[in-house]
């Protein structure tokens, strides 16, 4: 857990009314880029990634990075909600309020808003409702922040684990990094959010700003070379490998725009991935042939060669001037929030709208006036972070975390079975309500209950029954408050070294303990002659099809 200059007790405003003031005197005006004071602080004491020393010395140990299958959802995936921090000047807050109205209505998602005090939280709800937001989708939290730039310090989500019927679903978890600004309250937000949600958090040992990253659902990702400059103790391949281990993506490190054009050098100021193979990239017609124009052109060519459908939109970016971007957008389900500016010729906003409508004809493109914030080196994408929907939709997702290997159990043994669940209602009090555990001895064809109506606390002690099988499977079934179900099975067949009288009847000839052709021939001969050793289902003095079926079952189960 990170250490902050101020200690806070996180809580949902609806549940408690603690008031914690922001400790940063610049909280209402911090730009996305470094202030002069912050630059001086970093020169005196450089920011070092949490966990970096241990990683350099020993590498990653078990439990420090995600386990099982990992997938990192793109921004165009189904979203549960959008995270915001209610900070900055009045004009910035009005933008947040307009965004909330569109996200909660047309976007069909929630907004989760970090507030410095309980009284601010109350006013936020009123302001967003006044702007037209669906009040039932606005959630406020008392957790102070230093700045509005949630994209750069907020939690990045992954789906972790190979759960679900097809073993292709994961449960939500958070990957955190060390914020590349000396803003301690901001840096704590992923910790707070992970605690509030009850979702695991993994600390990637990188100094980073989250806006310097874009990825697709096909697991390719892009960041500018700023990431290498901020993590001098690591090589570029090591940085790429960390993202591979934590997010299961292959990252291409690109050239940044010159700092004189874009002081953040973040890729989200000039590029937005919109689909597995579609992207919008800026063009700079007023600076044709300039370094930043060449960077954007080269990236467009690279992605087109990789199979992307590339749309270009005209940004205005000139040295020592405001970077007016039309690629710094917010995608949320079926909408795209697109910046609009009145301080530049109207043709730019009109042309951008037309380009985005042509690029995503099945989305509603909604323009939001961003003149008030663009001068602070960022726009709408910079001030939000995405919270993906549960991978199972309305059905719970279950991931059995152990046992997941071909183990060996003795009857009467107490074994610990562990799992994790996720559900669309988990955060709202109507998530998984109970779980059942079932056992199969025939490789998953049939199951018998072992425990029912158990609490979803992630673990159960299972007393192994006295059965004999080499095809054991355990299943955890989860039910939510709405009656929806989901399940996951252990990954590999396991052995229970128990007894099974029916199986003993199938082992008819030496070598005993081994079922082979000799036992089959012996059964056929014995059954023909009505030998009592072939009267199996159960012994009754009658030799019929049931005895044949019982022998086939026992033999096929691999008994004894």
Protein backbone atom coordinates (compact mmCIF):
# COMPACT_ATOMS: atom_id res chain seq x y z
CA UNK A 1 0.00 0.00 0.00
CA UNK A 2 1.33 3.44 -0.90
CA UNK A 3 2.00 5.99 1.82
CA UNK A 4 0.35 9.37 1.47
CA UNK A 5 0.97 12.71 3.11
CA UNK A 6 -2.59 12.53 4.39
CA UNK A 7 -4.30 9.48 5.80
CA UNK A 8 -7.92 9.05 4.82
CA UNK A 9 -10.71 6.64 5.63
CA UNK A 10 -12.39 5.73 2.35
CA UNK A 11 -16.14 5.44 2.32
CA UNK A 12 -19.15 5.69 0.10
CA UNK A 13 -20.85 9.00 0.82
CA UNK A 14 -24.22 7.32 1.04
CA UNK A 15 -22.89 5.16 3.86
CA UNK A 16 -20.90 7.65 5.93
CA UNK A 17 -20.12 11.34 6.10
CA UNK A 18 -16.42 11.73 6.76
CA UNK A 19 -14.90 14.96 5.52
CA UNK A 20 -11.26 15.09 4.40
CA UNK A 21 -9.79 18.24 2.86
CA UNK A 22 -7.30 18.18 0.04
CA UNK A 23 -3.73 18.79 1.15
CA UNK A 24 -2.55 20.36 -2.09
CA UNK A 25 -2.92 24.15 -2.43
CA UNK A 26 -2.84 23.81 -6.25
CA UNK A 27 -5.66 21.24 -6.33
CA UNK A 28 -7.99 23.58 -8.21
CA UNK A 29 -5.53 24.41 -10.95
CA UNK A 30 -3.09 21.54 -11.53
CA UNK A 31 -2.58 20.99 -15.26
CA UNK A 32 -1.98 17.60 -16.78
CA UNK A 33 1.65 18.49 -17.36
CA UNK A 34 4.15 19.13 -14.57
CA UNK A 35 4.06 22.50 -12.87
CA UNK A 36 7.33 24.36 -12.37
CA UNK A 37 7.22 23.50 -8.66
CA UNK A 38 6.67 19.83 -9.42
CA UNK A 39 9.52 19.76 -11.91
CA UNK A 40 11.81 21.17 -9.23
CA UNK A 41 10.65 18.53 -6.76
CA UNK A 42 11.34 15.71 -9.20
CA UNK A 43 14.77 17.08 -10.07
CA UNK A 44 15.59 17.08 -6.36
CA UNK A 45 13.98 13.69 -5.64
CA UNK A 46 13.12 11.61 -8.73
CA UNK A 47 9.97 9.47 -8.60
CA UNK A 48 10.82 5.78 -8.21
CA UNK A 49 8.33 3.05 -9.06
CA UNK A 50 6.90 1.14 -6.14
CA UNK A 51 8.34 -2.38 -6.12
CA UNK A 52 11.14 -1.51 -8.56
CA UNK A 53 14.02 -2.34 -6.19
CA UNK A 54 12.68 -5.81 -5.50
CA UNK A 55 11.99 -6.43 -9.17
CA UNK A 56 15.49 -5.40 -10.22
CA UNK A 57 17.03 -7.55 -7.48
CA UNK A 58 14.87 -10.67 -7.64
CA UNK A 59 12.36 -10.37 -10.45
CA UNK A 60 8.67 -11.00 -9.89
CA UNK A 61 7.70 -13.55 -7.26
CA UNK A 62 4.53 -15.63 -7.19
CA UNK A 63 1.50 -13.55 -6.31
CA UNK A 64 3.00 -10.26 -7.44
CA UNK A 65 1.55 -10.53 -10.93
CA UNK A 66 -1.78 -11.90 -12.18
CA UNK A 67 -2.28 -15.66 -12.51
CA UNK A 68 -4.09 -17.80 -15.04
CA UNK A 69 -5.38 -16.33 -18.27
CA UNK A 70 -5.15 -12.52 -18.41
CA UNK A 71 -7.01 -10.21 -20.78
CA UNK A 72 -6.93 -6.41 -20.78
CA UNK A 73 -10.25 -4.94 -21.97
CA UNK A 74 -10.14 -2.09 -24.50
CA UNK A 75 -12.12 1.11 -24.07
CA UNK A 76 -14.65 0.05 -26.70
CA UNK A 77 -15.58 -3.07 -24.66
CA UNK A 78 -18.83 -3.08 -22.63
CA UNK A 79 -18.48 -0.66 -19.71
CA UNK A 80 -20.05 -0.64 -16.26
CA UNK A 81 -18.96 2.89 -15.52
CA UNK A 82 -16.51 5.77 -15.76
CA UNK A 83 -14.27 7.08 -12.96
CA UNK A 84 -13.81 10.84 -12.41
CA UNK A 85 -12.21 13.23 -9.92
CA UNK A 86 -14.17 16.43 -9.20
CA UNK A 87 -11.26 18.85 -9.28
CA UNK A 88 -10.14 21.97 -11.09
CA UNK A 89 -11.65 25.23 -12.19
CA UNK A 90 -15.37 25.80 -12.56
CA UNK A 91 -15.23 25.28 -16.33
CA UNK A 92 -13.53 21.91 -15.86
CA UNK A 93 -16.26 20.78 -13.47
CA UNK A 94 -18.96 21.84 -15.89
CA UNK A 95 -17.34 19.54 -18.47
CA UNK A 96 -17.45 16.65 -15.98
CA UNK A 97 -21.13 17.37 -15.35
CA UNK A 98 -21.96 17.39 -19.06
CA UNK A 99 -20.03 14.17 -19.55
CA UNK A 100 -21.89 12.54 -16.65
CA UNK A 101 -25.23 13.45 -18.23
CA UNK A 102 -24.28 11.78 -21.50
CA UNK A 103 -22.58 8.74 -19.93
CA UNK A 104 -25.48 7.93 -17.60
CA UNK A 105 -28.17 8.42 -20.25
CA UNK A 106 -27.08 7.72 -23.82
CA UNK A 107 -24.04 5.72 -22.65
CA UNK A 108 -26.01 3.52 -20.24
CA UNK A 109 -23.19 3.50 -17.68
CA UNK A 110 -22.48 4.74 -14.17
CA UNK A 111 -20.18 7.57 -13.13
CA UNK A 112 -18.01 7.14 -10.04
CA UNK A 113 -16.82 10.49 -8.72
CA UNK A 114 -14.00 11.12 -6.22
CA UNK A 115 -14.75 14.10 -3.95
CA UNK A 116 -12.62 15.83 -1.33
CA UNK A 117 -15.37 16.25 1.27
CA UNK A 118 -18.85 15.00 2.07
CA UNK A 119 -20.31 18.42 1.37
CA UNK A 120 -18.63 18.49 -2.04
CA UNK A 121 -20.03 15.03 -2.76
CA UNK A 122 -23.52 16.28 -2.02
CA UNK A 123 -23.08 19.28 -4.31
CA UNK A 124 -21.65 17.05 -7.05
CA UNK A 125 -24.78 14.93 -7.10
CA UNK A 126 -26.93 18.04 -7.33
CA UNK A 127 -24.79 19.60 -10.07
CA UNK A 128 -24.75 16.44 -12.17
CA UNK A 129 -28.50 15.97 -11.77
CA UNK A 130 -29.02 19.61 -12.80
CA UNK A 131 -26.91 18.92 -15.91
CA UNK A 132 -29.25 16.06 -16.78
CA UNK A 133 -27.43 13.04 -15.34
CA UNK A 134 -29.43 10.00 -14.24
CA UNK A 135 -29.11 10.36 -10.46
CA UNK A 136 -29.44 6.60 -9.92
CA UNK A 137 -26.21 6.14 -11.87
CA UNK A 138 -24.12 8.76 -10.05
CA UNK A 139 -21.97 7.44 -7.19
CA UNK A 140 -19.84 9.78 -5.09
CA UNK A 141 -16.96 8.87 -2.79
CA UNK A 142 -15.12 10.86 -0.14
CA UNK A 143 -11.53 10.33 -1.21
CA UNK A 144 -9.38 13.43 -1.83
CA UNK A 145 -7.47 13.86 -5.06
CA UNK A 146 -4.88 16.40 -6.15
CA UNK A 147 -5.96 16.77 -9.76
CA UNK A 148 -8.66 16.03 -12.30
CA UNK A 149 -6.45 13.85 -14.54
CA UNK A 150 -7.92 10.44 -13.60
CA UNK A 151 -6.65 8.75 -16.77
CA UNK A 152 -3.06 9.16 -15.68
CA UNK A 153 -3.28 7.81 -12.11
CA UNK A 154 -6.48 5.75 -12.07
CA UNK A 155 -6.80 1.93 -12.00
CA UNK A 156 -6.36 -0.02 -15.22
CA UNK A 157 -8.53 -3.12 -15.37
CA UNK A 158 -7.74 -6.66 -16.43
CA UNK A 159 -9.77 -9.86 -16.50
CA UNK A 160 -7.85 -12.51 -14.56
CA UNK A 161 -8.29 -16.29 -14.62
CA UNK A 162 -9.54 -18.98 -16.96
CA UNK A 163 -13.01 -19.44 -15.49
CA UNK A 164 -16.49 -20.04 -16.85
CA UNK A 165 -17.98 -22.94 -18.82
CA UNK A 166 -15.65 -22.30 -21.75
CA UNK A 167 -12.66 -21.52 -19.50
CA UNK A 168 -12.42 -18.18 -21.32
CA UNK A 169 -13.85 -15.77 -18.72
CA UNK A 170 -12.00 -13.90 -16.02
CA UNK A 171 -12.81 -11.91 -12.92
CA UNK A 172 -12.00 -8.23 -12.73
CA UNK A 173 -8.76 -7.07 -11.12
CA UNK A 174 -6.76 -3.83 -11.06
CA UNK A 175 -3.25 -3.10 -12.28
CA UNK A 176 -1.67 -0.04 -10.69
CA UNK A 177 1.47 1.96 -11.48
CA UNK A 178 3.35 4.76 -9.74
CA UNK A 179 1.99 8.09 -10.97
CA UNK A 180 4.57 10.16 -12.84
CA UNK A 181 3.61 13.27 -10.89
CA UNK A 182 4.38 14.14 -7.22
CA UNK A 183 0.66 14.09 -6.36
CA UNK A 184 0.27 11.66 -3.43
CA UNK A 185 -3.52 11.68 -3.14
CA UNK A 186 -3.89 10.90 -6.83
CA UNK A 187 -1.40 8.07 -6.51
CA UNK A 188 -3.60 6.44 -3.83
CA UNK A 189 -6.75 6.21 -5.95
CA UNK A 190 -6.17 2.67 -7.33
CA UNK A 191 -5.55 1.40 -3.78
CA UNK A 192 -8.75 3.04 -2.58
CA UNK A 193 -10.77 1.78 -5.52
CA UNK A 194 -9.48 -1.77 -5.17
CA UNK A 195 -10.47 -1.77 -1.49
CA UNK A 196 -13.93 -0.33 -2.16
CA UNK A 197 -14.61 -2.85 -4.90
CA UNK A 198 -13.03 -5.86 -3.22
CA UNK A 199 -10.98 -6.51 -6.36
CA UNK A 200 -7.33 -7.63 -6.30
CA UNK A 201 -4.69 -5.06 -7.15
CA UNK A 202 -1.32 -5.77 -8.76
CA UNK A 203 1.49 -3.21 -8.65
CA UNK A 204 3.44 -3.02 -11.89
CA UNK A 205 6.90 -1.54 -11.09
CA UNK A 206 6.68 1.35 -13.55
CA UNK A 207 6.52 5.13 -13.27
CA UNK A 208 3.78 5.95 -15.71
CA UNK A 209 0.89 8.16 -16.77
CA UNK A 210 -2.04 6.06 -17.93
CA UNK A 211 -2.87 8.35 -20.85
CA UNK A 212 0.36 7.26 -22.47
CA UNK A 213 -1.19 3.93 -23.36
CA UNK A 214 -3.73 2.55 -25.82
CA UNK A 215 -4.60 -1.08 -26.49
CA UNK A 216 -6.93 -3.17 -28.59
CA UNK A 217 -8.99 -6.23 -27.81
CA UNK A 218 -6.55 -8.16 -30.01
CA UNK A 219 -3.89 -7.60 -27.29
CA UNK A 220 -1.64 -5.15 -29.11
CA UNK A 221 -0.80 -1.93 -27.32
CA UNK A 222 1.01 1.36 -27.92
CA UNK A 223 2.94 3.82 -25.77
CA UNK A 224 5.38 6.61 -26.53
CA UNK A 225 9.04 6.50 -25.62
CA UNK A 226 8.28 8.74 -22.65
CA UNK A 227 7.88 5.46 -20.73
CA UNK A 228 11.56 4.65 -21.25
CA UNK A 229 12.64 8.12 -20.17
CA UNK A 230 10.63 7.79 -16.95
CA UNK A 231 12.01 4.34 -16.11
CA UNK A 232 15.74 4.67 -16.68
CA UNK A 233 16.60 1.63 -14.55
CA UNK A 234 14.79 -0.60 -17.03
CA UNK A 235 15.48 -1.34 -20.66
CA UNK A 236 12.74 -0.88 -23.22
CA UNK A 237 12.35 -4.68 -23.65
CA UNK A 238 12.03 -5.05 -19.87
CA UNK A 239 9.25 -2.45 -19.81
CA UNK A 240 7.44 -4.20 -22.65
CA UNK A 241 7.82 -7.52 -20.83
CA UNK A 242 6.27 -6.08 -17.66
CA UNK A 243 3.17 -5.07 -19.59
CA UNK A 244 3.16 -8.56 -21.11
CA UNK A 245 3.23 -10.18 -17.68
CA UNK A 246 0.65 -7.90 -16.04
CA UNK A 247 -1.72 -7.22 -18.95
CA UNK A 248 -0.99 -9.94 -21.54
CA UNK A 249 -0.41 -7.43 -24.33
CA UNK A 250 2.35 -6.86 -26.84
CA UNK A 251 3.34 -3.20 -26.67
CA UNK A 252 4.94 -1.13 -29.40
CA UNK A 253 6.90 1.86 -28.13
CA UNK A 254 6.57 4.80 -30.53
CA UNK A 255 8.16 8.20 -30.86
CA UNK A 256 6.38 10.93 -28.85
CA UNK A 257 5.35 14.32 -30.10
CA UNK A 258 7.86 17.02 -29.18
CA UNK A 259 7.28 18.39 -25.68
CA UNK A 260 7.01 21.86 -27.19
CA UNK A 261 3.87 20.73 -29.02
CA UNK A 262 2.43 18.38 -26.41
CA UNK A 263 3.88 18.81 -22.93
CA UNK A 264 2.55 15.46 -21.71
CA UNK A 265 4.01 13.42 -24.61
CA UNK A 266 1.10 11.01 -24.09
CA UNK A 267 -0.19 8.96 -26.98
CA UNK A 268 -3.85 9.64 -26.13
CA UNK A 269 -3.44 13.24 -27.29
CA UNK A 270 -3.11 12.10 -30.90
CA UNK A 271 -4.47 8.55 -31.20
CA UNK A 272 -7.53 6.51 -30.16
CA UNK A 273 -8.01 2.80 -30.86
CA UNK A 274 -11.69 2.21 -31.63
CA UNK A 275 -11.86 -1.51 -32.48
CA UNK A 276 -9.74 -4.62 -32.76
CA UNK A 277 -8.49 -3.31 -36.10
CA UNK A 278 -9.62 0.31 -36.31
CA UNK A 279 -8.01 3.51 -35.09
CA UNK A 280 -8.28 7.30 -35.35
CA UNK A 281 -4.96 9.16 -35.62
CA UNK A 282 -4.35 12.89 -35.74
CA UNK A 283 -3.06 14.78 -38.73
CA UNK A 284 -1.44 18.24 -38.58
CA UNK A 285 -2.15 20.10 -41.84
CA UNK A 286 -1.06 23.44 -40.39
CA UNK A 287 2.35 21.94 -39.62
CA UNK A 288 2.86 19.63 -42.58
CA UNK A 289 6.30 18.04 -42.54
CA UNK A 290 6.97 19.00 -38.92
CA UNK A 291 8.31 16.45 -36.43
CA UNK A 292 4.91 15.88 -34.85
CA UNK A 293 3.25 15.54 -38.24
CA UNK A 294 5.86 12.96 -39.24
CA UNK A 295 5.36 11.02 -35.99
CA UNK A 296 1.62 10.81 -36.53
CA UNK A 297 2.00 9.95 -40.23
CA UNK A 298 4.49 7.20 -39.44
CA UNK A 299 2.22 5.68 -36.82
CA UNK A 300 -0.73 5.77 -39.21
CA UNK A 301 1.32 3.95 -41.84
CA UNK A 302 2.53 1.37 -39.33
CA UNK A 303 -0.96 0.56 -38.11
CA UNK A 304 -2.38 0.46 -41.60
CA UNK A 305 0.31 -2.06 -42.52
CA UNK A 306 -0.73 -4.10 -39.48
CA UNK A 307 -4.27 -4.35 -40.82
CA UNK A 308 -5.92 -1.40 -39.08
CA UNK A 309 -8.55 0.74 -40.75
CA UNK A 310 -7.11 4.21 -40.12
CA UNK A 311 -9.11 7.44 -40.02
CA UNK A 312 -7.24 10.76 -39.78
CA UNK A 313 -8.64 13.87 -38.09
CA UNK A 314 -7.06 17.30 -38.13
CA UNK A 315 -5.54 18.44 -34.85
CA UNK A 316 -3.94 21.83 -34.31
CA UNK A 317 -0.59 21.50 -32.60
CA UNK A 318 2.11 24.14 -32.91
CA UNK A 319 5.19 24.74 -30.75
CA UNK A 320 4.45 26.75 -27.60
CA UNK A 321 0.73 26.84 -28.43
CA UNK A 322 -2.39 25.04 -27.27
CA UNK A 323 -2.71 21.49 -28.63
CA UNK A 324 -6.29 21.29 -29.90
CA UNK A 325 -6.98 17.57 -30.16
CA UNK A 326 -9.93 15.71 -31.67
CA UNK A 327 -8.53 12.28 -30.81
CA UNK A 328 -8.67 12.68 -27.01
CA UNK A 329 -12.19 11.26 -26.80
CA UNK A 330 -14.21 9.11 -24.39
CA UNK A 331 -15.80 5.94 -25.71
CA UNK A 332 -18.54 4.46 -23.52
CA UNK A 333 -20.67 1.65 -24.87
CA UNK A 334 -22.57 3.13 -27.83
CA UNK A 335 -21.36 6.74 -27.54
CA UNK A 336 -18.23 8.77 -28.24
CA UNK A 337 -17.72 12.09 -26.44
CA UNK A 338 -15.82 14.32 -28.86
CA UNK A 339 -14.20 17.66 -28.00
CA UNK A 340 -15.58 20.81 -29.63
CA UNK A 341 -13.79 24.15 -29.55
CA UNK A 342 -15.05 27.68 -30.10
CA UNK A 343 -11.58 29.26 -29.88
CA UNK A 344 -10.48 27.93 -33.26
CA UNK A 345 -12.24 28.03 -36.65
CA UNK A 346 -15.50 26.09 -36.49
CA UNK A 347 -14.59 24.02 -39.53
CA UNK A 348 -12.20 21.93 -37.41
CA UNK A 349 -14.92 20.79 -34.99
CA UNK A 350 -17.36 20.21 -37.85
CA UNK A 351 -14.86 18.18 -39.86
CA UNK A 352 -13.91 16.13 -36.79
CA UNK A 353 -17.55 15.32 -36.13
CA UNK A 354 -18.04 14.17 -39.72
CA UNK A 355 -14.88 12.05 -39.62
CA UNK A 356 -15.90 10.30 -36.40
CA UNK A 357 -19.44 9.70 -37.63
CA UNK A 358 -18.09 8.08 -40.78
CA UNK A 359 -15.57 6.06 -38.77
CA UNK A 360 -18.12 4.72 -36.23
CA UNK A 361 -21.53 4.90 -37.93
CA UNK A 362 -23.11 2.67 -35.26
CA UNK A 363 -22.12 5.05 -32.43
CA UNK A 364 -23.65 8.31 -31.32
CA UNK A 365 -20.96 10.99 -31.56
CA UNK A 366 -21.63 13.72 -28.99
CA UNK A 367 -19.67 16.97 -28.98
CA UNK A 368 -18.74 18.62 -25.68
CA UNK A 369 -17.27 22.12 -25.48
CA UNK A 370 -13.74 21.68 -24.12
CA UNK A 371 -12.29 25.19 -24.50
CA UNK A 372 -12.11 25.55 -20.71
CA UNK A 373 -9.73 22.61 -20.20
CA UNK A 374 -7.70 22.15 -23.39
CA UNK A 375 -5.26 24.88 -22.32
CA UNK A 376 -4.21 22.64 -19.37
CA UNK A 377 -2.68 20.03 -21.73
CA UNK A 378 -5.53 17.54 -21.79
CA UNK A 379 -9.17 17.02 -22.66
CA UNK A 380 -11.88 14.45 -21.89
CA UNK A 381 -10.00 11.17 -22.24
CA UNK A 382 -7.48 12.53 -19.76
CA UNK A 383 -10.03 13.08 -16.99
CA UNK A 384 -11.69 9.66 -16.85
CA UNK A 385 -10.82 5.99 -16.39
CA UNK A 386 -12.94 3.11 -17.64
CA UNK A 387 -14.52 0.42 -15.43
CA UNK A 388 -15.41 -2.57 -17.63
CA UNK A 389 -18.57 -4.61 -17.24
CA UNK A 390 -18.33 -8.09 -15.75
CA UNK A 391 -17.22 -10.59 -18.39
CA UNK A 392 -20.25 -12.77 -17.75
CA UNK A 393 -22.86 -10.10 -18.42
CA UNK A 394 -25.78 -10.76 -16.07
CA UNK A 395 -24.45 -14.21 -15.09
CA UNK A 396 -21.83 -14.56 -12.35
CA UNK A 397 -18.28 -15.47 -13.36
CA UNK A 398 -16.49 -18.13 -11.30
CA UNK A 399 -12.79 -18.92 -11.40
CA UNK A 400 -11.67 -21.99 -9.41
CA UNK A 401 -8.15 -21.06 -8.33
CA UNK A 402 -7.22 -24.37 -6.63
CA UNK A 403 -6.90 -27.25 -7.09
CA UNK A 404 -6.17 -26.90 -10.79
CA UNK A 405 -3.78 -29.76 -11.39
CA UNK A 406 -3.91 -33.55 -11.65
CA UNK A 407 -3.71 -34.09 -7.89
CA UNK A 408 -4.14 -37.17 -5.73
CA UNK A 409 -6.60 -37.29 -2.83
CA UNK A 410 -7.16 -39.86 -0.10
CA UNK A 411 -10.63 -40.53 1.34
CA UNK A 412 -11.23 -38.56 4.53
CA UNK A 413 -8.59 -35.95 3.63
CA UNK A 414 -9.54 -32.31 4.24
CA UNK A 415 -8.74 -30.31 1.11
CA UNK A 416 -9.06 -26.54 0.71
CA UNK A 417 -10.91 -25.49 -2.43
CA UNK A 418 -10.58 -21.82 -3.44
CA UNK A 419 -12.28 -19.63 -6.02
CA UNK A 420 -13.07 -16.06 -6.99
CA UNK A 421 -16.31 -14.67 -8.38
CA UNK A 422 -17.45 -11.60 -10.26
CA UNK A 423 -20.91 -10.35 -11.09
CA UNK A 424 -22.57 -7.32 -12.61
CA UNK A 425 -24.23 -6.54 -9.28
CA UNK A 426 -21.21 -7.20 -7.05
CA UNK A 427 -20.62 -3.54 -6.22
CA UNK A 428 -24.29 -2.77 -5.70
CA UNK A 429 -25.18 -5.31 -3.03
CA UNK A 430 -26.89 -7.85 -5.30
CA UNK A 431 -23.90 -9.84 -6.49
CA UNK A 432 -23.16 -13.50 -5.77
CA UNK A 433 -25.23 -14.62 -2.80
CA UNK A 434 -24.21 -18.28 -2.44
CA UNK A 435 -22.19 -21.07 -4.03
CA UNK A 436 -22.52 -24.84 -4.38
CA UNK A 437 -19.70 -27.36 -4.80
CA UNK A 438 -20.22 -30.54 -6.82
CA UNK A 439 -18.06 -33.58 -7.59
CA UNK A 440 -17.84 -35.59 -10.79
CA UNK A 441 -16.13 -39.00 -10.90
CA UNK A 442 -16.66 -39.51 -14.62
CA UNK A 443 -14.72 -36.60 -16.08
CA UNK A 444 -17.49 -34.02 -15.84
CA UNK A 445 -20.39 -35.95 -17.35
CA UNK A 446 -22.40 -36.17 -14.12
CA UNK A 447 -22.08 -34.35 -10.78
CA UNK A 448 -23.19 -34.97 -7.20
CA UNK A 449 -23.48 -32.20 -4.54
CA UNK A 450 -20.74 -31.86 -1.94
CA UNK A 451 -21.86 -28.56 -0.37
CA UNK A 452 -24.81 -26.29 -1.07
CA UNK A 453 -25.78 -22.75 -0.14
CA UNK A 454 -22.27 -21.85 1.04
CA UNK A 455 -21.23 -18.20 1.48
CA UNK A 456 -19.18 -16.72 -1.33
CA UNK A 457 -16.09 -16.24 0.84
CA UNK A 458 -13.62 -17.76 -1.62
CA UNK A 459 -12.74 -20.99 0.20
CA UNK A 460 -14.27 -24.19 1.55
CA UNK A 461 -12.84 -27.21 3.35
CA UNK A 462 -13.86 -30.36 1.48
CA UNK A 463 -13.70 -33.74 3.20
CA UNK A 464 -12.84 -36.13 0.37
CA UNK A 465 -15.43 -38.93 0.04
CA UNK A 466 -14.57 -42.65 -0.20
CA UNK A 467 -14.87 -43.16 -3.93
CA UNK A 468 -12.43 -44.50 -6.45
CA UNK A 469 -11.81 -42.47 -9.59
CA UNK A 470 -9.07 -41.22 -11.84
CA UNK A 471 -11.44 -38.76 -13.52
CA UNK A 472 -12.32 -36.40 -10.69
CA UNK A 473 -13.65 -32.90 -11.38
CA UNK A 474 -14.87 -30.29 -8.90
CA UNK A 475 -17.34 -27.59 -9.91
CA UNK A 476 -18.18 -24.34 -8.10
CA UNK A 477 -21.60 -22.92 -9.01
CA UNK A 478 -22.39 -19.32 -8.05
CA UNK A 479 -25.83 -17.71 -7.84
CA UNK A 480 -26.53 -14.02 -7.58
CA UNK A 481 -29.43 -12.20 -5.95
CA UNK A 482 -31.38 -12.29 -9.22
CA UNK A 483 -31.09 -16.06 -9.54
CA UNK A 484 -28.53 -16.00 -12.36
CA UNK A 485 -25.90 -18.76 -12.28
CA UNK A 486 -22.35 -19.27 -13.43
CA UNK A 487 -19.82 -22.02 -12.78
CA UNK A 488 -16.25 -23.16 -13.27
CA UNK A 489 -14.61 -26.59 -13.13
CA UNK A 490 -11.15 -27.58 -12.02
CA UNK A 491 -8.80 -27.59 -14.98
CA UNK A 492 -7.33 -31.12 -14.85
CA UNK A 493 -8.69 -34.53 -13.85
CA UNK A 494 -7.61 -35.70 -10.40
CA UNK A 495 -7.50 -39.07 -8.58
CA UNK A 496 -9.36 -40.13 -5.44
CA UNK A 497 -7.78 -43.28 -4.06
CA UNK A 498 -10.94 -44.71 -2.54
CA UNK A 499 -12.81 -47.98 -2.74
CA UNK A 500 -15.63 -48.99 -5.06
CA UNK A 501 -17.15 -52.48 -4.65
CA UNK A 502 -18.60 -52.36 -8.13
CA UNK A 503 -15.14 -51.78 -9.54
CA UNK A 504 -13.75 -54.73 -7.61
CA UNK A 505 -16.24 -56.89 -9.47
CA UNK A 506 -14.73 -55.82 -12.80
CA UNK A 507 -11.19 -56.95 -11.92
CA UNK A 508 -11.74 -60.67 -12.61
CA UNK A 509 -8.33 -62.17 -13.47
CA UNK A 510 -4.67 -61.66 -12.69
CA UNK A 511 -2.80 -59.39 -12.71
CA UNK A 512 -5.14 -57.96 -10.11
CA UNK A 513 -5.25 -54.17 -9.80
CA UNK A 514 -5.10 -53.83 -13.57
CA UNK A 515 -8.09 -53.85 -15.91
CA UNK A 516 -7.25 -55.24 -19.34
CA UNK A 517 -8.51 -57.50 -22.13
CA UNK A 518 -8.20 -60.52 -19.83
CA UNK A 519 -10.89 -59.08 -17.55
CA UNK A 520 -13.18 -58.46 -20.54
CA UNK A 521 -12.78 -62.02 -21.80
CA UNK A 522 -13.29 -63.39 -18.29
CA UNK A 523 -16.52 -61.42 -17.91
CA UNK A 524 -17.85 -62.65 -21.25
CA UNK A 525 -17.10 -66.26 -20.35
CA UNK A 526 -18.47 -65.90 -16.84
CA UNK A 527 -21.64 -64.16 -17.96
CA UNK A 528 -22.26 -66.85 -20.61
CA UNK A 529 -21.90 -69.53 -17.95
CA UNK A 530 -23.84 -67.50 -15.34
CA UNK A 531 -20.83 -67.39 -13.05
CA UNK A 532 -21.78 -65.45 -9.83
CA UNK A 533 -18.71 -63.22 -10.22
CA UNK A 534 -20.46 -61.53 -13.18
CA UNK A 535 -23.68 -60.84 -11.23
CA UNK A 536 -22.83 -57.16 -10.63
CA UNK A 537 -25.88 -54.88 -10.72
CA UNK A 538 -26.38 -55.71 -7.82
CA UNK A 539 -25.99 -59.44 -7.09
CA UNK A 540 -29.46 -60.89 -7.57
CA UNK A 541 -29.10 -64.28 -9.17
CA UNK A 542 -30.32 -62.79 -12.44
CA UNK A 543 -27.85 -62.32 -15.30
CA UNK A 544 -29.09 -59.56 -17.60
CA UNK A 545 -28.20 -56.36 -19.47
CA UNK A 546 -27.80 -54.42 -16.19
CA UNK A 547 -24.80 -56.62 -15.27
CA UNK A 548 -23.21 -55.96 -18.65
CA UNK A 549 -23.77 -52.20 -18.30
CA UNK A 550 -22.29 -52.18 -14.79
CA UNK A 551 -19.18 -54.03 -15.97
CA UNK A 552 -18.75 -51.57 -18.85
CA UNK A 553 -19.19 -48.59 -16.46
CA UNK A 554 -16.65 -49.91 -13.97
CA UNK A 555 -14.16 -50.86 -16.64
CA UNK A 556 -14.53 -47.50 -18.42
CA UNK A 557 -14.05 -45.60 -15.14
CA UNK A 558 -10.57 -47.06 -14.83
CA UNK A 559 -11.35 -49.07 -11.68
CA UNK A 560 -10.05 -50.41 -9.45
